[in-house]
Amino acid sequence: MIIEDIAGNPSGGTRTNSLTEDGRTLAGYMTVNLSGSYTIAQKKWGFSDWKAFAIIKNLFNDPYQEKYGFPEPGITFRLGSKASF
C-alpha cells in the first residue's frame, strides 16, 4: 500500500523503495548470473547422490540498487558440494 501526503509524496510501499532523495526513481538494471553442477558419484561409495556446484552472481560486476541507499554487492561466488546418503 502506498500512502501519499497532501503534497503527493509517497511514504510507504514498494514505490518508495525505488525513489532517490529528490523523488526520482532509480535507474533500471540487469544482472547476469551463472550456475552449474557436476555429479561426482551416484549410488557409489555409500552416497546415493553427490554433487559439486558453483554459483556466480552479478558476473559483470555492475553496480545497482534495488532499494535507494542500499547498494547490492558486486560479483559474488559460492562453491560447494551436496551429498545424499
Protein backbone atom coordinates (compact mmCIF):
# COMPACT_ATOMS: atom_id res chain seq x y z
CA MET A 1 0.00 0.00 0.00
CA ILE A 2 1.34 3.42 -0.94
CA ILE A 3 0.27 6.34 1.21
CA GLU A 4 0.73 9.87 -0.13
CA ASP A 5 0.84 13.04 1.90
CA ILE A 6 -1.04 16.19 0.95
CA ALA A 7 1.75 17.19 -1.47
CA GLY A 8 1.53 13.83 -3.26
CA ASN A 9 4.79 12.40 -1.88
CA PRO A 10 4.66 8.63 -1.35
CA SER A 11 5.51 7.42 2.14
CA GLY A 12 5.09 3.66 2.04
CA GLY A 13 5.01 0.62 -0.22
CA THR A 14 7.25 -0.65 -2.99
CA ARG A 15 7.24 2.59 -4.98
CA THR A 16 9.03 4.49 -2.22
CA ASN A 17 11.79 1.85 -2.10
CA SER A 18 12.92 2.87 -5.58
CA LEU A 19 12.88 6.65 -5.05
CA THR A 20 16.02 8.75 -4.53
CA GLU A 21 16.17 11.59 -2.02
CA ASP A 22 14.95 14.09 -4.62
CA GLY A 23 12.00 11.87 -5.59
CA ARG A 24 13.36 10.36 -8.82
CA THR A 25 13.13 6.63 -9.43
CA LEU A 26 16.28 4.53 -9.55
CA ALA A 27 17.75 3.56 -12.91
CA GLY A 28 16.89 0.15 -14.33
CA TYR A 29 19.45 -2.63 -14.13
CA MET A 30 20.17 -6.11 -15.39
CA THR A 31 22.45 -8.68 -13.82
CA VAL A 32 23.91 -11.86 -15.28
CA ASN A 33 24.18 -14.90 -13.01
CA LEU A 34 25.81 -18.22 -13.81
CA SER A 35 25.45 -21.57 -12.08
CA GLY A 36 26.32 -25.18 -12.73
CA SER A 37 26.69 -28.53 -11.07
CA TYR A 38 28.56 -31.76 -11.65
CA THR A 39 27.62 -35.20 -10.38
CA ILE A 40 30.65 -36.73 -8.66
CA ALA A 41 29.07 -40.04 -7.65
CA GLN A 42 25.69 -41.64 -7.91
CA LYS A 43 24.95 -44.79 -5.92
CA LYS A 44 28.64 -45.21 -5.28
CA TRP A 45 30.94 -45.08 -2.22
CA GLY A 46 27.95 -45.07 0.11
CA PHE A 47 26.36 -41.96 -1.48
CA SER A 48 23.01 -42.11 -3.21
CA ASP A 49 23.97 -38.78 -4.83
CA TRP A 50 26.99 -36.46 -4.53
CA LYS A 51 27.30 -33.23 -6.49
CA ALA A 52 29.65 -30.25 -6.69
CA PHE A 53 28.18 -26.86 -7.58
CA ALA A 54 29.26 -23.32 -8.39
CA ILE A 55 27.20 -20.11 -8.45
CA ILE A 56 28.38 -16.71 -9.68
CA LYS A 57 26.10 -13.71 -9.16
CA ASN A 58 26.48 -10.34 -10.92
CA LEU A 59 29.02 -11.81 -13.32
CA PHE A 60 29.90 -8.45 -14.91
CA ASN A 61 30.23 -6.66 -11.54
CA ASP A 62 27.66 -3.97 -12.45
CA PRO A 63 26.72 -1.58 -9.61
CA TYR A 64 22.99 -1.40 -8.86
CA GLN A 65 20.49 -0.77 -6.08
CA GLU A 66 17.13 -2.43 -5.53
CA LYS A 67 16.37 0.00 -2.72
CA TYR A 68 17.77 3.52 -2.59
CA GLY A 69 20.77 3.82 -0.27
CA PHE A 70 21.45 0.07 -0.15
CA PRO A 71 23.80 -0.91 -3.00
CA GLU A 72 23.94 -4.59 -3.88
CA PRO A 73 27.30 -6.38 -3.70
CA GLY A 74 29.49 -6.71 -6.76
CA ILE A 75 30.46 -10.08 -8.16
CA THR A 76 29.97 -12.88 -5.65
CA PHE A 77 30.57 -16.60 -5.92
CA ARG A 78 29.81 -19.75 -3.99
CA LEU A 79 31.33 -23.20 -4.34
CA GLY A 80 30.16 -26.29 -2.54
CA SER A 81 29.07 -29.86 -2.60
CA LYS A 82 25.87 -31.62 -1.70
CA ALA A 83 25.66 -35.25 -0.66
CA SER A 84 22.75 -37.59 -0.06
CA PHE A 85 23.22 -40.90 1.75
